[in-house]
Amino acid sequence: PKVAEIPVRLPSGEERVQELFNDTVIGFNKFGKE
């Protein structure tokens, strides 16, 4: 689920809103094992 919205100022000065989600990233090795 979405957990937050954070205002972000880029180095260029542009203002944006970053959305944060409670995601899980999974990595697998050469043999496809988590």
Full PDB file with SEQRES, HELIX, SHEET, SSBOND, CRYST1, ORIGX, SCALE, CONECT and MASTER records, all heavy atoms in Angstrom:
SEQRES   1 A   34  PRO LYS VAL ALA GLU ILE PRO VAL ARG LEU PRO SER GLY          
SEQRES   2 A   34  GLU GLU ARG VAL GLN GLU LEU PHE ASN ASP THR VAL ILE          
SEQRES   3 A   34  GLY PHE ASN LYS PHE GLY LYS GLU                              
SHEET    1 AA1 2 LYS A   2  ARG A   9  0                                        
SHEET    2 AA1 2 GLU A  15  PHE A  21 -1                                        
CRYST1    1.000    1.000    1.000  90.00  90.00  90.00 P 1           1          
ORIGX1      1.000000  0.000000  0.000000        0.00000                         
ORIGX2      0.000000  1.000000  0.000000        0.00000                         
ORIGX3      0.000000  0.000000  1.000000        0.00000                         
SCALE1      1.000000  0.000000  0.000000        0.00000                         
SCALE2      0.000000  1.000000  0.000000        0.00000                         
SCALE3      0.000000  0.000000  1.000000        0.00000                         
ATOM      1  N   PRO A   1       0.816  -1.220   0.000  1.00  0.00           N  
ATOM      2  CA  PRO A   1       0.000   0.000   0.000  1.00  0.00           C  
ATOM      3  C   PRO A   1       0.850   1.271   0.000  1.00  0.00           C  
ATOM      4  O   PRO A   1       2.016   1.264   0.405  1.00  0.00           O  
ATOM      5  CB  PRO A   1      -0.792  -0.120   1.308  1.00  0.00           C  
ATOM      6  CG  PRO A   1       0.098  -0.946   2.196  1.00  0.00           C  
ATOM      7  CD  PRO A   1       0.785  -1.922   1.305  1.00  0.00           C  
ATOM      8  N   LYS A   2       0.246   2.349  -0.446  1.00  0.00           N  
ATOM      9  CA  LYS A   2       0.882   3.652  -0.388  1.00  0.00           C  
ATOM     10  C   LYS A   2       0.929   4.119   1.058  1.00  0.00           C  
ATOM     11  O   LYS A   2      -0.064   4.039   1.779  1.00  0.00           O  
ATOM     12  CB  LYS A   2       0.110   4.659  -1.253  1.00  0.00           C  
ATOM     13  CG  LYS A   2       0.750   6.021  -1.322  1.00  0.00           C  
ATOM     14  CD  LYS A   2      -0.158   6.961  -2.117  1.00  0.00           C  
ATOM     15  CE  LYS A   2       0.318   7.836  -2.932  1.00  0.00           C  
ATOM     16  NZ  LYS A   2      -0.497   8.736  -3.718  1.00  0.00           N  
ATOM     17  N   VAL A   3       2.106   4.601   1.487  1.00  0.00           N  
ATOM     18  CA  VAL A   3       2.261   4.978   2.890  1.00  0.00           C  
ATOM     19  C   VAL A   3       2.572   6.455   3.091  1.00  0.00           C  
ATOM     20  O   VAL A   3       2.418   6.977   4.197  1.00  0.00           O  
ATOM     21  CB  VAL A   3       3.371   4.131   3.564  1.00  0.00           C  
ATOM     22  CG1 VAL A   3       2.937   2.682   3.660  1.00  0.00           C  
ATOM     23  CG2 VAL A   3       4.703   4.240   2.828  1.00  0.00           C  
ATOM     24  N   ALA A   4       3.009   7.139   2.043  1.00  0.00           N  
ATOM     25  CA  ALA A   4       3.371   8.540   2.243  1.00  0.00           C  
ATOM     26  C   ALA A   4       3.531   9.261   0.914  1.00  0.00           C  
ATOM     27  O   ALA A   4       3.745   8.640  -0.132  1.00  0.00           O  
ATOM     28  CB  ALA A   4       4.670   8.671   3.048  1.00  0.00           C  
ATOM     29  N   GLU A   5       3.392  10.575   0.976  1.00  0.00           N  
ATOM     30  CA  GLU A   5       3.740  11.471  -0.119  1.00  0.00           C  
ATOM     31  C   GLU A   5       4.685  12.525   0.432  1.00  0.00           C  
ATOM     32  O   GLU A   5       4.372  13.188   1.423  1.00  0.00           O  
ATOM     33  CB  GLU A   5       2.499  12.125  -0.739  1.00  0.00           C  
ATOM     34  CG  GLU A   5       1.607  11.172  -1.516  1.00  0.00           C  
ATOM     35  CD  GLU A   5       0.466  11.891  -2.214  1.00  0.00           C  
ATOM     36  OE1 GLU A   5       0.280  13.113  -1.963  1.00  0.00           O  
ATOM     37  OE2 GLU A   5      -0.240  11.266  -3.031  1.00  0.00           O  
ATOM     38  N   ILE A   6       5.843  12.657  -0.200  1.00  0.00           N  
ATOM     39  CA  ILE A   6       6.886  13.536   0.312  1.00  0.00           C  
ATOM     40  C   ILE A   6       7.235  14.595  -0.735  1.00  0.00           C  
ATOM     41  O   ILE A   6       7.556  14.250  -1.876  1.00  0.00           O  
ATOM     42  CB  ILE A   6       8.158  12.740   0.671  1.00  0.00           C  
ATOM     43  CG1 ILE A   6       7.840  11.641   1.683  1.00  0.00           C  
ATOM     44  CG2 ILE A   6       9.246  13.654   1.206  1.00  0.00           C  
ATOM     45  CD1 ILE A   6       8.993  10.708   1.960  1.00  0.00           C  
ATOM     46  N   PRO A   7       7.164  15.887  -0.368  1.00  0.00           N  
ATOM     47  CA  PRO A   7       7.598  16.918  -1.310  1.00  0.00           C  
ATOM     48  C   PRO A   7       9.116  16.877  -1.488  1.00  0.00           C  
ATOM     49  O   PRO A   7       9.865  16.747  -0.519  1.00  0.00           O  
ATOM     50  CB  PRO A   7       7.144  18.231  -0.653  1.00  0.00           C  
ATOM     51  CG  PRO A   7       7.045  17.910   0.811  1.00  0.00           C  
ATOM     52  CD  PRO A   7       6.659  16.462   0.902  1.00  0.00           C  
ATOM     53  N   VAL A   8       9.570  16.952  -2.714  1.00  0.00           N  
ATOM     54  CA  VAL A   8      10.990  16.863  -3.040  1.00  0.00           C  
ATOM     55  C   VAL A   8      11.385  18.048  -3.915  1.00  0.00           C  
ATOM     56  O   VAL A   8      10.691  18.372  -4.878  1.00  0.00           O  
ATOM     57  CB  VAL A   8      11.311  15.544  -3.771  1.00  0.00           C  
ATOM     58  CG1 VAL A   8      12.776  15.504  -4.188  1.00  0.00           C  
ATOM     59  CG2 VAL A   8      10.987  14.341  -2.892  1.00  0.00           C  
ATOM     60  N   ARG A   9      12.490  18.682  -3.566  1.00  0.00           N  
ATOM     61  CA  ARG A   9      13.053  19.724  -4.405  1.00  0.00           C  
ATOM     62  C   ARG A   9      14.272  19.148  -5.132  1.00  0.00           C  
ATOM     63  O   ARG A   9      15.251  18.756  -4.502  1.00  0.00           O  
ATOM     64  CB  ARG A   9      13.464  20.948  -3.586  1.00  0.00           C  
ATOM     65  CG  ARG A   9      14.065  22.086  -4.447  1.00  0.00           C  
ATOM     66  CD  ARG A   9      14.612  23.203  -3.573  1.00  0.00           C  
ATOM     67  NE  ARG A   9      13.568  23.897  -2.880  1.00  0.00           N  
ATOM     68  CZ  ARG A   9      12.916  24.956  -3.382  1.00  0.00           C  
ATOM     69  NH1 ARG A   9      13.229  25.416  -4.584  1.00  0.00           N  
ATOM     70  NH2 ARG A   9      11.967  25.539  -2.690  1.00  0.00           N  
ATOM     71  N   LEU A  10      14.212  19.098  -6.449  1.00  0.00           N  
ATOM     72  CA  LEU A  10      15.318  18.588  -7.245  1.00  0.00           C  
ATOM     73  C   LEU A  10      16.479  19.580  -7.256  1.00  0.00           C  
ATOM     74  O   LEU A  10      16.279  20.775  -6.986  1.00  0.00           O  
ATOM     75  CB  LEU A  10      14.848  18.323  -8.673  1.00  0.00           C  
ATOM     76  CG  LEU A  10      13.709  17.309  -8.858  1.00  0.00           C  
ATOM     77  CD1 LEU A  10      13.384  17.142 -10.334  1.00  0.00           C  
ATOM     78  CD2 LEU A  10      14.072  15.968  -8.240  1.00  0.00           C  
ATOM     79  N   PRO A  11      17.696  19.122  -7.550  1.00  0.00           N  
ATOM     80  CA  PRO A  11      18.826  20.057  -7.648  1.00  0.00           C  
ATOM     81  C   PRO A  11      18.577  21.207  -8.623  1.00  0.00           C  
ATOM     82  O   PRO A  11      19.151  22.283  -8.466  1.00  0.00           O  
ATOM     83  CB  PRO A  11      19.973  19.162  -8.130  1.00  0.00           C  
ATOM     84  CG  PRO A  11      19.620  17.809  -7.618  1.00  0.00           C  
ATOM     85  CD  PRO A  11      18.132  17.728  -7.689  1.00  0.00           C  
ATOM     86  N   SER A  12      17.715  20.991  -9.616  1.00  0.00           N  
ATOM     87  CA  SER A  12      17.374  22.045 -10.571  1.00  0.00           C  
ATOM     88  C   SER A  12      16.462  23.101  -9.973  1.00  0.00           C  
ATOM     89  O   SER A  12      16.258  24.158 -10.564  1.00  0.00           O  
ATOM     90  CB  SER A  12      16.705  21.436 -11.802  1.00  0.00           C  
ATOM     91  OG  SER A  12      15.468  20.824 -11.442  1.00  0.00           O  
ATOM     92  N   GLY A  13      15.893  22.847  -8.792  1.00  0.00           N  
ATOM     93  CA  GLY A  13      14.943  23.746  -8.167  1.00  0.00           C  
ATOM     94  C   GLY A  13      13.493  23.339  -8.362  1.00  0.00           C  
ATOM     95  O   GLY A  13      12.596  23.888  -7.723  1.00  0.00           O  
ATOM     96  N   GLU A  14      13.243  22.368  -9.263  1.00  0.00           N  
ATOM     97  CA  GLU A  14      11.880  21.910  -9.532  1.00  0.00           C  
ATOM     98  C   GLU A  14      11.303  21.187  -8.309  1.00  0.00           C  
ATOM     99  O   GLU A  14      11.992  20.431  -7.631  1.00  0.00           O  
ATOM    100  CB  GLU A  14      11.868  20.974 -10.737  1.00  0.00           C  
ATOM    101  CG  GLU A  14      10.488  20.450 -11.102  1.00  0.00           C  
ATOM    102  CD  GLU A  14      10.529  19.417 -12.216  1.00  0.00           C  
ATOM    103  OE1 GLU A  14      11.594  19.293 -12.877  1.00  0.00           O  
ATOM    104  OE2 GLU A  14       9.510  18.711 -12.418  1.00  0.00           O  
ATOM    105  N   GLU A  15      10.020  21.462  -8.028  1.00  0.00           N  
ATOM    106  CA  GLU A  15       9.320  20.814  -6.925  1.00  0.00           C  
ATOM    107  C   GLU A  15       8.538  19.616  -7.441  1.00  0.00           C  
ATOM    108  O   GLU A  15       7.827  19.703  -8.438  1.00  0.00           O  
ATOM    109  CB  GLU A  15       8.365  21.792  -6.246  1.00  0.00           C  
ATOM    110  CG  GLU A  15       9.024  23.025  -5.639  1.00  0.00           C  
ATOM    111  CD  GLU A  15       9.639  22.751  -4.283  1.00  0.00           C  
ATOM    112  OE1 GLU A  15       9.467  21.613  -3.781  1.00  0.00           O  
ATOM    113  OE2 GLU A  15      10.292  23.654  -3.726  1.00  0.00           O  
ATOM    114  N   ARG A  16       8.676  18.469  -6.743  1.00  0.00           N  
ATOM    115  CA  ARG A  16       7.917  17.274  -7.081  1.00  0.00           C  
ATOM    116  C   ARG A  16       7.383  16.616  -5.815  1.00  0.00           C  
ATOM    117  O   ARG A  16       7.799  16.954  -4.707  1.00  0.00           O  
ATOM    118  CB  ARG A  16       8.777  16.276  -7.849  1.00  0.00           C  
ATOM    119  CG  ARG A  16       9.110  16.671  -9.273  1.00  0.00           C  
ATOM    120  CD  ARG A  16       9.744  15.519 -10.011  1.00  0.00           C  
ATOM    121  NE  ARG A  16      10.170  15.909 -11.358  1.00  0.00           N  
ATOM    122  CZ  ARG A  16      10.774  15.092 -12.203  1.00  0.00           C  
ATOM    123  NH1 ARG A  16      11.016  13.828 -11.851  1.00  0.00           N  
ATOM    124  NH2 ARG A  16      11.136  15.527 -13.403  1.00  0.00           N  
ATOM    125  N   VAL A  17       6.475  15.683  -6.019  1.00  0.00           N  
ATOM    126  CA  VAL A  17       5.946  14.886  -4.920  1.00  0.00           C  
ATOM    127  C   VAL A  17       6.344  13.429  -5.153  1.00  0.00           C  
ATOM    128  O   VAL A  17       6.009  12.846  -6.185  1.00  0.00           O  
ATOM    129  CB  VAL A  17       4.414  15.014  -4.809  1.00  0.00           C  
ATOM    130  CG1 VAL A  17       3.891  14.062  -3.727  1.00  0.00           C  
ATOM    131  CG2 VAL A  17       4.015  16.439  -4.489  1.00  0.00           C  
ATOM    132  N   GLN A  18       7.064  12.860  -4.209  1.00  0.00           N  
ATOM    133  CA  GLN A  18       7.453  11.466  -4.294  1.00  0.00           C  
ATOM    134  C   GLN A  18       6.472  10.599  -3.514  1.00  0.00           C  
ATOM    135  O   GLN A  18       6.174  10.876  -2.355  1.00  0.00           O  
ATOM    136  CB  GLN A  18       8.864  11.250  -3.748  1.00  0.00           C  
ATOM    137  CG  GLN A  18       9.329   9.800  -3.851  1.00  0.00           C  
ATOM    138  CD  GLN A  18      10.700   9.562  -3.270  1.00  0.00           C  
ATOM    139  OE1 GLN A  18      11.313  10.480  -2.724  1.00  0.00           O  
ATOM    140  NE2 GLN A  18      11.214   8.346  -3.389  1.00  0.00           N  
ATOM    141  N   GLU A  19       5.993   9.569  -4.167  1.00  0.00           N  
ATOM    142  CA  GLU A  19       5.086   8.627  -3.525  1.00  0.00           C  
ATOM    143  C   GLU A  19       5.884   7.455  -2.967  1.00  0.00           C  
ATOM    144  O   GLU A  19       6.732   6.881  -3.649  1.00  0.00           O  
ATOM    145  CB  GLU A  19       4.046   8.130  -4.524  1.00  0.00           C  
ATOM    146  CG  GLU A  19       3.132   9.220  -5.071  1.00  0.00           C  
ATOM    147  CD  GLU A  19       2.128   8.668  -6.066  1.00  0.00           C  
ATOM    148  OE1 GLU A  19       2.525   7.858  -6.926  1.00  0.00           O  
ATOM    149  OE2 GLU A  19       0.943   9.032  -5.984  1.00  0.00           O  
ATOM    150  N   LEU A  20       5.602   7.096  -1.707  1.00  0.00           N  
ATOM    151  CA  LEU A  20       6.250   5.965  -1.073  1.00  0.00           C  
ATOM    152  C   LEU A  20       5.244   4.840  -0.877  1.00  0.00           C  
ATOM    153  O   LEU A  20       4.129   5.065  -0.407  1.00  0.00           O  
ATOM    154  CB  LEU A  20       6.847   6.363   0.277  1.00  0.00           C  
ATOM    155  CG  LEU A  20       8.117   7.203   0.272  1.00  0.00           C  
ATOM    156  CD1 LEU A  20       8.567   7.476   1.699  1.00  0.00           C  
ATOM    157  CD2 LEU A  20       9.228   6.492  -0.493  1.00  0.00           C  
ATOM    158  N   PHE A  21       5.660   3.636  -1.259  1.00  0.00           N  
ATOM    159  CA  PHE A  21       4.824   2.459  -1.126  1.00  0.00           C  
ATOM    160  C   PHE A  21       5.521   1.436  -0.247  1.00  0.00           C  
ATOM    161  O   PHE A  21       6.756   1.331  -0.253  1.00  0.00           O  
ATOM    162  CB  PHE A  21       4.526   1.851  -2.496  1.00  0.00           C  
ATOM    163  CG  PHE A  21       3.754   2.750  -3.413  1.00  0.00           C  
ATOM    164  CD1 PHE A  21       4.413   3.683  -4.209  1.00  0.00           C  
ATOM    165  CD2 PHE A  21       2.382   2.676  -3.481  1.00  0.00           C  
ATOM    166  CE1 PHE A  21       3.714   4.520  -5.063  1.00  0.00           C  
ATOM    167  CE2 PHE A  21       1.671   3.514  -4.333  1.00  0.00           C  
ATOM    168  CZ  PHE A  21       2.341   4.433  -5.122  1.00  0.00           C  
ATOM    169  N   ASN A  22       4.743   0.700   0.488  1.00  0.00           N  
ATOM    170  CA  ASN A  22       5.283  -0.334   1.365  1.00  0.00           C  
ATOM    171  C   ASN A  22       5.532  -1.613   0.542  1.00  0.00           C  
ATOM    172  O   ASN A  22       5.004  -2.686   0.839  1.00  0.00           O  
ATOM    173  CB  ASN A  22       4.293  -0.597   2.501  1.00  0.00           C  
ATOM    174  CG  ASN A  22       4.886  -1.401   3.640  1.00  0.00           C  
ATOM    175  OD1 ASN A  22       4.161  -2.027   4.396  1.00  0.00           O  
ATOM    176  ND2 ASN A  22       6.210  -1.393   3.801  1.00  0.00           N  
ATOM    177  N   ASP A  23       6.407  -1.476  -0.475  1.00  0.00           N  
ATOM    178  CA  ASP A  23       6.712  -2.592  -1.368  1.00  0.00           C  
ATOM    179  C   ASP A  23       7.833  -3.455  -0.792  1.00  0.00           C  
ATOM    180  O   ASP A  23       8.619  -3.017   0.059  1.00  0.00           O  
ATOM    181  CB  ASP A  23       7.132  -2.076  -2.741  1.00  0.00           C  
ATOM    182  CG  ASP A  23       6.014  -1.334  -3.467  1.00  0.00           C  
ATOM    183  OD1 ASP A  23       4.837  -1.553  -3.124  1.00  0.00           O  
ATOM    184  OD2 ASP A  23       6.329  -0.552  -4.390  1.00  0.00           O  
ATOM    185  N   THR A  24       7.916  -4.668  -1.300  1.00  0.00           N  
ATOM    186  CA  THR A  24       9.003  -5.582  -0.958  1.00  0.00           C  
ATOM    187  C   THR A  24       9.716  -5.992  -2.239  1.00  0.00           C  
ATOM    188  O   THR A  24       9.083  -6.444  -3.195  1.00  0.00           O  
ATOM    189  CB  THR A  24       8.481  -6.831  -0.232  1.00  0.00           C  
ATOM    190  OG1 THR A  24       7.870  -6.446   1.002  1.00  0.00           O  
ATOM    191  CG2 THR A  24       9.622  -7.799   0.063  1.00  0.00           C  
ATOM    192  N   VAL A  25      11.044  -5.813  -2.286  1.00  0.00           N  
ATOM    193  CA  VAL A  25      11.828  -6.219  -3.441  1.00  0.00           C  
ATOM    194  C   VAL A  25      12.557  -7.511  -3.095  1.00  0.00           C  
ATOM    195  O   VAL A  25      13.129  -7.658  -2.015  1.00  0.00           O  
ATOM    196  CB  VAL A  25      12.814  -5.103  -3.875  1.00  0.00           C  
ATOM    197  CG1 VAL A  25      13.768  -4.726  -2.755  1.00  0.00           C  
ATOM    198  CG2 VAL A  25      13.593  -5.520  -5.118  1.00  0.00           C  
ATOM    199  N   ILE A  26      12.501  -8.466  -4.018  1.00  0.00           N  
ATOM    200  CA  ILE A  26      13.077  -9.794  -3.822  1.00  0.00           C  
ATOM    201  C   ILE A  26      14.186 -10.007  -4.844  1.00  0.00           C  
ATOM    202  O   ILE A  26      14.017  -9.710  -6.027  1.00  0.00           O  
ATOM    203  CB  ILE A  26      12.006 -10.892  -3.967  1.00  0.00           C  
ATOM    204  CG1 ILE A  26      10.821 -10.596  -3.035  1.00  0.00           C  
ATOM    205  CG2 ILE A  26      12.590 -12.264  -3.655  1.00  0.00           C  
ATOM    206  CD1 ILE A  26       9.607 -11.456  -3.322  1.00  0.00           C  
ATOM    207  N   GLY A  27      15.332 -10.520  -4.388  1.00  0.00           N  
ATOM    208  CA  GLY A  27      16.457 -10.796  -5.269  1.00  0.00           C  
ATOM    209  C   GLY A  27      16.707 -12.285  -5.400  1.00  0.00           C  
ATOM    210  O   GLY A  27      16.578 -13.041  -4.431  1.00  0.00           O  
ATOM    211  N   PHE A  28      17.066 -12.716  -6.612  1.00  0.00           N  
ATOM    212  CA  PHE A  28      17.284 -14.138  -6.907  1.00  0.00           C  
ATOM    213  C   PHE A  28      18.707 -14.354  -7.425  1.00  0.00           C  
ATOM    214  O   PHE A  28      19.264 -13.511  -8.142  1.00  0.00           O  
ATOM    215  CB  PHE A  28      16.284 -14.639  -7.956  1.00  0.00           C  
ATOM    216  CG  PHE A  28      14.841 -14.454  -7.551  1.00  0.00           C  
ATOM    217  CD1 PHE A  28      14.177 -13.259  -7.813  1.00  0.00           C  
ATOM    218  CD2 PHE A  28      14.157 -15.462  -6.911  1.00  0.00           C  
ATOM    219  CE1 PHE A  28      12.844 -13.084  -7.445  1.00  0.00           C  
ATOM    220  CE2 PHE A  28      12.822 -15.294  -6.529  1.00  0.00           C  
ATOM    221  CZ  PHE A  28      12.174 -14.107  -6.797  1.00  0.00           C  
ATOM    222  N   ASN A  29      19.305 -15.491  -7.076  1.00  0.00           N  
ATOM    223  CA  ASN A  29      20.663 -15.785  -7.520  1.00  0.00           C  
ATOM    224  C   ASN A  29      20.680 -16.441  -8.902  1.00  0.00           C  
ATOM    225  O   ASN A  29      19.646 -16.501  -9.586  1.00  0.00           O  
ATOM    226  CB  ASN A  29      21.410 -16.641  -6.485  1.00  0.00           C  
ATOM    227  CG  ASN A  29      20.823 -18.051  -6.364  1.00  0.00           C  
ATOM    228  OD1 ASN A  29      19.977 -18.495  -7.147  1.00  0.00           O  
ATOM    229  ND2 ASN A  29      21.297 -18.788  -5.371  1.00  0.00           N  
ATOM    230  N   LYS A  30      21.824 -16.959  -9.305  1.00  0.00           N  
ATOM    231  CA  LYS A  30      22.000 -17.551 -10.627  1.00  0.00           C  
ATOM    232  C   LYS A  30      21.030 -18.684 -10.898  1.00  0.00           C  
ATOM    233  O   LYS A  30      20.585 -18.887 -12.038  1.00  0.00           O  
ATOM    234  CB  LYS A  30      23.443 -18.036 -10.771  1.00  0.00           C  
ATOM    235  CG  LYS A  30      23.759 -18.705 -12.092  1.00  0.00           C  
ATOM    236  CD  LYS A  30      25.194 -19.206 -12.127  1.00  0.00           C  
ATOM    237  CE  LYS A  30      25.514 -19.910 -13.441  1.00  0.00           C  
ATOM    238  NZ  LYS A  30      26.923 -20.410 -13.461  1.00  0.00           N  
ATOM    239  N   PHE A  31      20.676 -19.434  -9.863  1.00  0.00           N  
ATOM    240  CA  PHE A  31      19.825 -20.615 -10.015  1.00  0.00           C  
ATOM    241  C   PHE A  31      18.347 -20.319  -9.784  1.00  0.00           C  
ATOM    242  O   PHE A  31      17.538 -21.238  -9.669  1.00  0.00           O  
ATOM    243  CB  PHE A  31      20.302 -21.712  -9.074  1.00  0.00           C  
ATOM    244  CG  PHE A  31      21.759 -22.039  -9.221  1.00  0.00           C  
ATOM    245  CD1 PHE A  31      22.650 -21.832  -8.165  1.00  0.00           C  
ATOM    246  CD2 PHE A  31      22.263 -22.515 -10.415  1.00  0.00           C  
ATOM    247  CE1 PHE A  31      23.999 -22.117  -8.308  1.00  0.00           C  
ATOM    248  CE2 PHE A  31      23.622 -22.803 -10.561  1.00  0.00           C  
ATOM    249  CZ  PHE A  31      24.482 -22.604  -9.510  1.00  0.00           C  
ATOM    250  N   GLY A  32      17.991 -19.024  -9.702  1.00  0.00           N  
ATOM    251  CA  GLY A  32      16.601 -18.644  -9.500  1.00  0.00           C  
ATOM    252  C   GLY A  32      16.112 -18.782  -8.077  1.00  0.00           C  
ATOM    253  O   GLY A  32      14.910 -18.696  -7.815  1.00  0.00           O  
ATOM    254  N   LYS A  33      17.036 -18.990  -7.141  1.00  0.00           N  
ATOM    255  CA  LYS A  33      16.681 -19.138  -5.736  1.00  0.00           C  
ATOM    256  C   LYS A  33      16.581 -17.770  -5.067  1.00  0.00           C  
ATOM    257  O   LYS A  33      17.453 -16.916  -5.242  1.00  0.00           O  
ATOM    258  CB  LYS A  33      17.722 -19.994  -5.024  1.00  0.00           C  
ATOM    259  CG  LYS A  33      17.466 -20.182  -3.537  1.00  0.00           C  
ATOM    260  CD  LYS A  33      18.594 -20.959  -2.876  1.00  0.00           C  
ATOM    261  CE  LYS A  33      18.385 -21.077  -1.369  1.00  0.00           C  
ATOM    262  NZ  LYS A  33      19.503 -21.803  -0.702  1.00  0.00           N  
ATOM    263  N   GLU A  34      15.524 -17.559  -4.299  1.00  0.00           N  
ATOM    264  CA  GLU A  34      15.393 -16.311  -3.547  1.00  0.00           C  
ATOM    265  C   GLU A  34      16.462 -16.241  -2.462  1.00  0.00           C  
ATOM    266  O   GLU A  34      16.585 -17.145  -1.638  1.00  0.00           O  
ATOM    267  CB  GLU A  34      14.012 -16.213  -2.909  1.00  0.00           C  
ATOM    268  CG  GLU A  34      13.819 -14.940  -2.069  1.00  0.00           C  
ATOM    269  CD  GLU A  34      12.494 -14.886  -1.336  1.00  0.00           C  
ATOM    270  OE1 GLU A  34      11.484 -15.383  -1.891  1.00  0.00           O  
ATOM    271  OE2 GLU A  34      12.452 -14.371  -0.201  1.00  0.00           O  
TER     272      GLU A  34                                                      
MASTER        0    0    0    0    2    0    0    6  271    1    0    3          
END                                                                             
